[in-house]
Amino acid sequence: MNETAYQGDYFSIHLDAGGIEYVRAGDEVLVIPLTATGDVLLTLEPSAAFGKPALILPGGETEAGEPHAETANRELQEEIGYKARQLDYLGELRPYSKYLAVRSFVYLARDLAPSQLKGDEDYAITVEQVPLATFERLIAAGRLLDARVIAALYLARSFLNRSDHDSNLADRPNFHLLHLS
């Protein structure tokens, strides 16, 4: 049995049966918006936790009954003014599995088209365009520190590299895709 020790707007603190505390936050989607030229659209948003803007990906809390892909596309439109014509689910991240109960569902958004929805943020969101191929430069410069975002960008690049590799091989004569069980 879990006991709620604190309930806030963005998270709650619970105690497990042994009295160990953990934080619960709403599940979320994270979206990697990728331009036709291979750039990622990152957002610069205020961070209450660290008191200065953080470079992150568009995304937001999932809503009951709304499919995650719809949440991803809605958040893109609210936060950066684009809609994805192609969304690929890349996986689930759990940023701190031992003491934080939150799941981040990661999507790659491609074939972007302008489309704006009114968001719920009470601050302006700045968008930065960064080549996916070299996002590690932001990490080295100390500008990209969010572990979820870093992991999501690696997932996206790996997915795209596999897709490119598979399609290049499939175009070769006498190539047969072999599935091992």
C-alpha atoms as a PDB file:
ATOM      1  CA  MET A   1       0.000   0.000   0.000  1.00  0.00           C
ATOM      2  CA  ASN A   2       1.294   3.463  -0.915  1.00  0.00           C
ATOM      3  CA  GLU A   3       0.686   6.601   1.081  1.00  0.00           C
ATOM      4  CA  THR A   4       0.654  10.078  -0.477  1.00  0.00           C
ATOM      5  CA  ALA A   5       2.889  12.406   1.525  1.00  0.00           C
ATOM      6  CA  TYR A   6       2.529  15.412  -0.798  1.00  0.00           C
ATOM      7  CA  GLN A   7       0.361  16.254  -3.809  1.00  0.00           C
ATOM      8  CA  GLY A   8       1.323  19.175  -6.070  1.00  0.00           C
ATOM      9  CA  ASP A   9       0.395  20.387  -9.530  1.00  0.00           C
ATOM     10  CA  TYR A  10       3.277  18.622 -11.319  1.00  0.00           C
ATOM     11  CA  PHE A  11       4.275  15.771  -9.009  1.00  0.00           C
ATOM     12  CA  SER A  12       3.447  13.954  -5.793  1.00  0.00           C
ATOM     13  CA  ILE A  13       5.570  12.248  -3.163  1.00  0.00           C
ATOM     14  CA  HIS A  14       4.556   8.785  -1.999  1.00  0.00           C
ATOM     15  CA  LEU A  15       5.762   6.284   0.568  1.00  0.00           C
ATOM     16  CA  ASP A  16       5.915   2.617  -0.395  1.00  0.00           C
ATOM     17  CA  ALA A  17       4.964  -0.202   1.998  1.00  0.00           C
ATOM     18  CA  GLY A  18       8.445  -0.052   3.551  1.00  0.00           C
ATOM     19  CA  GLY A  19       8.324   3.717   4.118  1.00  0.00           C
ATOM     20  CA  ILE A  20      10.669   4.564   1.229  1.00  0.00           C
ATOM     21  CA  GLU A  21       9.678   7.783  -0.525  1.00  0.00           C
ATOM     22  CA  TYR A  22       9.467   8.190  -4.276  1.00  0.00           C
ATOM     23  CA  VAL A  23       8.194  10.854  -6.643  1.00  0.00           C
ATOM     24  CA  ARG A  24       5.347  10.280  -9.084  1.00  0.00           C
ATOM     25  CA  ALA A  25       4.813  12.578 -12.055  1.00  0.00           C
ATOM     26  CA  GLY A  26       2.510  12.279 -15.026  1.00  0.00           C
ATOM     27  CA  ASP A  27       3.669  10.195 -17.972  1.00  0.00           C
ATOM     28  CA  GLU A  28       4.775  12.255 -20.943  1.00  0.00           C
ATOM     29  CA  VAL A  29       5.628  12.229 -24.613  1.00  0.00           C
ATOM     30  CA  LEU A  30       8.913  13.594 -25.917  1.00  0.00           C
ATOM     31  CA  VAL A  31       9.062  14.515 -29.587  1.00  0.00           C
ATOM     32  CA  ILE A  32      12.136  14.848 -31.774  1.00  0.00           C
ATOM     33  CA  PRO A  33      11.001  17.158 -34.596  1.00  0.00           C
ATOM     34  CA  LEU A  34      13.346  16.522 -37.523  1.00  0.00           C
ATOM     35  CA  THR A  35      13.508  18.858 -40.505  1.00  0.00           C
ATOM     36  CA  ALA A  36      14.027  17.664 -44.075  1.00  0.00           C
ATOM     37  CA  THR A  37      17.675  18.791 -43.773  1.00  0.00           C
ATOM     38  CA  GLY A  38      18.338  16.623 -40.691  1.00  0.00           C
ATOM     39  CA  ASP A  39      18.077  19.315 -38.031  1.00  0.00           C
ATOM     40  CA  VAL A  40      16.284  18.847 -34.713  1.00  0.00           C
ATOM     41  CA  LEU A  41      14.061  21.609 -33.374  1.00  0.00           C
ATOM     42  CA  LEU A  42      14.868  21.946 -29.658  1.00  0.00           C
ATOM     43  CA  THR A  43      13.053  24.300 -27.317  1.00  0.00           C
ATOM     44  CA  LEU A  44      14.518  26.626 -24.732  1.00  0.00           C
ATOM     45  CA  GLU A  45      12.166  26.810 -21.760  1.00  0.00           C
ATOM     46  CA  PRO A  46      12.357  27.983 -18.129  1.00  0.00           C
ATOM     47  CA  SER A  47      13.467  25.404 -15.553  1.00  0.00           C
ATOM     48  CA  ALA A  48      11.921  25.814 -12.089  1.00  0.00           C
ATOM     49  CA  ALA A  49      14.341  23.166 -10.767  1.00  0.00           C
ATOM     50  CA  PHE A  50      17.553  24.957 -11.807  1.00  0.00           C
ATOM     51  CA  GLY A  51      16.467  28.587 -12.183  1.00  0.00           C
ATOM     52  CA  LYS A  52      17.651  29.088 -15.741  1.00  0.00           C
ATOM     53  CA  PRO A  53      16.356  28.100 -19.188  1.00  0.00           C
ATOM     54  CA  ALA A  54      16.848  24.482 -20.262  1.00  0.00           C
ATOM     55  CA  LEU A  55      17.307  23.142 -23.781  1.00  0.00           C
ATOM     56  CA  ILE A  56      14.735  20.361 -24.167  1.00  0.00           C
ATOM     57  CA  LEU A  57      12.451  18.657 -26.679  1.00  0.00           C
ATOM     58  CA  PRO A  58       8.811  19.524 -27.285  1.00  0.00           C
ATOM     59  CA  GLY A  59       6.461  17.339 -25.317  1.00  0.00           C
ATOM     60  CA  GLY A  60       4.047  17.174 -22.477  1.00  0.00           C
ATOM     61  CA  GLU A  61       1.954  15.119 -20.149  1.00  0.00           C
ATOM     62  CA  THR A  62      -0.185  12.379 -21.623  1.00  0.00           C
ATOM     63  CA  GLU A  63      -3.927  12.703 -21.142  1.00  0.00           C
ATOM     64  CA  ALA A  64      -6.221   9.819 -20.256  1.00  0.00           C
ATOM     65  CA  GLY A  65      -7.815   8.353 -23.368  1.00  0.00           C
ATOM     66  CA  GLU A  66      -5.623  10.293 -25.822  1.00  0.00           C
ATOM     67  CA  PRO A  67      -3.291   8.058 -27.855  1.00  0.00           C
ATOM     68  CA  HIS A  68       0.352   8.986 -27.304  1.00  0.00           C
ATOM     69  CA  ALA A  69       0.894   9.753 -31.004  1.00  0.00           C
ATOM     70  CA  GLU A  70      -1.951  12.290 -30.869  1.00  0.00           C
ATOM     71  CA  THR A  71      -0.441  13.821 -27.731  1.00  0.00           C
ATOM     72  CA  ALA A  72       2.898  14.083 -29.544  1.00  0.00           C
ATOM     73  CA  ASN A  73       1.374  15.861 -32.541  1.00  0.00           C
ATOM     74  CA  ARG A  74      -0.720  18.171 -30.342  1.00  0.00           C
ATOM     75  CA  GLU A  75       2.318  19.172 -28.263  1.00  0.00           C
ATOM     76  CA  LEU A  76       4.332  19.890 -31.427  1.00  0.00           C
ATOM     77  CA  GLN A  77       1.632  22.238 -32.659  1.00  0.00           C
ATOM     78  CA  GLU A  78       1.251  23.956 -29.288  1.00  0.00           C
ATOM     79  CA  GLU A  79       4.957  24.406 -28.582  1.00  0.00           C
ATOM     80  CA  ILE A  80       6.709  24.949 -31.926  1.00  0.00           C
ATOM     81  CA  GLY A  81       3.949  25.475 -34.502  1.00  0.00           C
ATOM     82  CA  TYR A  82       4.437  22.314 -36.558  1.00  0.00           C
ATOM     83  CA  LYS A  83       2.487  19.141 -37.201  1.00  0.00           C
ATOM     84  CA  ALA A  84       4.146  15.862 -38.166  1.00  0.00           C
ATOM     85  CA  ARG A  85       2.869  13.917 -41.149  1.00  0.00           C
ATOM     86  CA  GLN A  86       5.045  10.978 -40.035  1.00  0.00           C
ATOM     87  CA  LEU A  87       5.501   9.883 -36.416  1.00  0.00           C
ATOM     88  CA  ASP A  88       7.683   6.931 -35.457  1.00  0.00           C
ATOM     89  CA  TYR A  89       7.514   5.525 -31.932  1.00  0.00           C
ATOM     90  CA  LEU A  90      11.090   5.032 -30.704  1.00  0.00           C
ATOM     91  CA  GLY A  91      10.527   3.671 -27.215  1.00  0.00           C
ATOM     92  CA  GLU A  92       9.971   4.372 -23.553  1.00  0.00           C
ATOM     93  CA  LEU A  93      12.443   6.049 -21.203  1.00  0.00           C
ATOM     94  CA  ARG A  94      12.347   6.025 -17.412  1.00  0.00           C
ATOM     95  CA  PRO A  95      14.656   8.818 -16.310  1.00  0.00           C
ATOM     96  CA  TYR A  96      15.267   7.679 -12.714  1.00  0.00           C
ATOM     97  CA  SER A  97      13.572   4.314 -12.237  1.00  0.00           C
ATOM     98  CA  LYS A  98      14.427   3.827  -8.592  1.00  0.00           C
ATOM     99  CA  TYR A  99      12.790   6.937  -7.104  1.00  0.00           C
ATOM    100  CA  LEU A 100      10.833   8.625  -9.912  1.00  0.00           C
ATOM    101  CA  ALA A 101       7.672   7.041 -11.307  1.00  0.00           C
ATOM    102  CA  VAL A 102       7.355   8.624 -14.763  1.00  0.00           C
ATOM    103  CA  ARG A 103       7.505   7.224 -18.278  1.00  0.00           C
ATOM    104  CA  SER A 104       8.602   9.223 -21.310  1.00  0.00           C
ATOM    105  CA  PHE A 105       7.242   7.925 -24.618  1.00  0.00           C
ATOM    106  CA  VAL A 106       9.601   9.041 -27.391  1.00  0.00           C
ATOM    107  CA  TYR A 107       8.506   9.872 -30.943  1.00  0.00           C
ATOM    108  CA  LEU A 108      10.415  10.944 -34.024  1.00  0.00           C
ATOM    109  CA  ALA A 109       8.422  13.544 -35.982  1.00  0.00           C
ATOM    110  CA  ARG A 110       9.174  13.979 -39.690  1.00  0.00           C
ATOM    111  CA  ASP A 111       7.611  15.606 -42.717  1.00  0.00           C
ATOM    112  CA  LEU A 112       6.775  18.696 -40.666  1.00  0.00           C
ATOM    113  CA  ALA A 113       4.105  21.152 -41.801  1.00  0.00           C
ATOM    114  CA  PRO A 114       3.220  24.503 -40.218  1.00  0.00           C
ATOM    115  CA  SER A 115       0.247  24.182 -37.849  1.00  0.00           C
ATOM    116  CA  GLN A 116      -0.320  26.138 -34.653  1.00  0.00           C
ATOM    117  CA  LEU A 117      -2.492  25.276 -31.648  1.00  0.00           C
ATOM    118  CA  LYS A 118      -2.780  27.391 -28.499  1.00  0.00           C
ATOM    119  CA  GLY A 119      -0.644  25.909 -25.749  1.00  0.00           C
ATOM    120  CA  ASP A 120      -0.993  26.045 -21.977  1.00  0.00           C
ATOM    121  CA  GLU A 121       2.409  27.619 -21.263  1.00  0.00           C
ATOM    122  CA  ASP A 122       2.413  31.089 -19.732  1.00  0.00           C
ATOM    123  CA  TYR A 123       5.858  31.885 -21.175  1.00  0.00           C
ATOM    124  CA  ALA A 124       7.413  32.218 -24.607  1.00  0.00           C
ATOM    125  CA  ILE A 125       9.152  29.168 -26.051  1.00  0.00           C
ATOM    126  CA  THR A 126      12.286  29.736 -28.111  1.00  0.00           C
ATOM    127  CA  VAL A 127      13.162  27.197 -30.804  1.00  0.00           C
ATOM    128  CA  GLU A 128      16.751  26.280 -31.713  1.00  0.00           C
ATOM    129  CA  GLN A 129      17.596  24.298 -34.834  1.00  0.00           C
ATOM    130  CA  VAL A 130      20.520  21.886 -34.328  1.00  0.00           C
ATOM    131  CA  PRO A 131      21.960  19.188 -36.624  1.00  0.00           C
ATOM    132  CA  LEU A 132      21.044  15.740 -35.258  1.00  0.00           C
ATOM    133  CA  ALA A 133      24.399  14.471 -36.510  1.00  0.00           C
ATOM    134  CA  THR A 134      26.315  16.750 -34.121  1.00  0.00           C
ATOM    135  CA  PHE A 135      24.080  17.271 -31.079  1.00  0.00           C
ATOM    136  CA  GLU A 136      26.911  16.024 -28.817  1.00  0.00           C
ATOM    137  CA  ARG A 137      28.531  19.437 -29.265  1.00  0.00           C
ATOM    138  CA  LEU A 138      25.725  20.875 -27.133  1.00  0.00           C
ATOM    139  CA  ILE A 139      26.486  18.320 -24.421  1.00  0.00           C
ATOM    140  CA  ALA A 140      30.217  19.130 -24.520  1.00  0.00           C
ATOM    141  CA  ALA A 141      29.434  22.852 -24.317  1.00  0.00           C
ATOM    142  CA  GLY A 142      27.256  22.299 -21.241  1.00  0.00           C
ATOM    143  CA  ARG A 143      24.109  23.528 -23.005  1.00  0.00           C
ATOM    144  CA  LEU A 144      22.286  20.185 -23.279  1.00  0.00           C
ATOM    145  CA  LEU A 145      22.052  18.511 -19.875  1.00  0.00           C
ATOM    146  CA  ASP A 146      18.639  16.823 -19.779  1.00  0.00           C
ATOM    147  CA  ALA A 147      19.250  13.053 -19.755  1.00  0.00           C
ATOM    148  CA  ARG A 148      15.846  12.275 -21.311  1.00  0.00           C
ATOM    149  CA  VAL A 149      16.560  14.551 -24.242  1.00  0.00           C
ATOM    150  CA  ILE A 150      20.056  13.149 -24.740  1.00  0.00           C
ATOM    151  CA  ALA A 151      18.759   9.566 -24.679  1.00  0.00           C
ATOM    152  CA  ALA A 152      15.908  10.459 -27.063  1.00  0.00           C
ATOM    153  CA  LEU A 153      18.337  12.034 -29.552  1.00  0.00           C
ATOM    154  CA  TYR A 154      20.512   8.914 -29.493  1.00  0.00           C
ATOM    155  CA  LEU A 155      17.399   6.775 -30.064  1.00  0.00           C
ATOM    156  CA  ALA A 156      16.427   8.942 -33.049  1.00  0.00           C
ATOM    157  CA  ARG A 157      19.861   8.852 -34.624  1.00  0.00           C
ATOM    158  CA  SER A 158      20.121   5.082 -34.137  1.00  0.00           C
ATOM    159  CA  PHE A 159      16.653   4.574 -35.645  1.00  0.00           C
ATOM    160  CA  LEU A 160      17.507   6.704 -38.677  1.00  0.00           C
ATOM    161  CA  ASN A 161      20.860   4.975 -39.169  1.00  0.00           C
ATOM    162  CA  ARG A 162      19.154   1.560 -39.080  1.00  0.00           C
ATOM    163  CA  SER A 163      16.447   2.731 -41.480  1.00  0.00           C
ATOM    164  CA  ASP A 164      19.000   4.145 -43.910  1.00  0.00           C
ATOM    165  CA  HIS A 165      21.136   1.018 -43.653  1.00  0.00           C
ATOM    166  CA  ASP A 166      18.160  -1.310 -44.189  1.00  0.00           C
ATOM    167  CA  SER A 167      16.818   0.658 -47.168  1.00  0.00           C
ATOM    168  CA  ASN A 168      20.274   0.882 -48.787  1.00  0.00           C
ATOM    169  CA  LEU A 169      20.768  -2.867 -48.429  1.00  0.00           C
ATOM    170  CA  ALA A 170      17.272  -3.643 -49.649  1.00  0.00           C
ATOM    171  CA  ASP A 171      17.976  -1.724 -52.873  1.00  0.00           C
ATOM    172  CA  ARG A 172      20.942  -3.935 -53.714  1.00  0.00           C
ATOM    173  CA  PRO A 173      20.468  -6.810 -56.163  1.00  0.00           C
ATOM    174  CA  ASN A 174      20.474 -10.270 -54.587  1.00  0.00           C
ATOM    175  CA  PHE A 175      19.889  -8.833 -51.110  1.00  0.00           C
ATOM    176  CA  HIS A 176      17.576 -10.819 -48.862  1.00  0.00           C
ATOM    177  CA  LEU A 177      16.590  -9.669 -45.414  1.00  0.00           C
ATOM    178  CA  LEU A 178      17.278 -12.478 -43.005  1.00  0.00           C
ATOM    179  CA  HIS A 179      15.364 -12.660 -39.736  1.00  0.00           C
ATOM    180  CA  LEU A 180      16.953 -14.715 -37.014  1.00  0.00           C
ATOM    181  CA  SER A 181      14.811 -16.174 -34.276  1.00  0.00           C
END
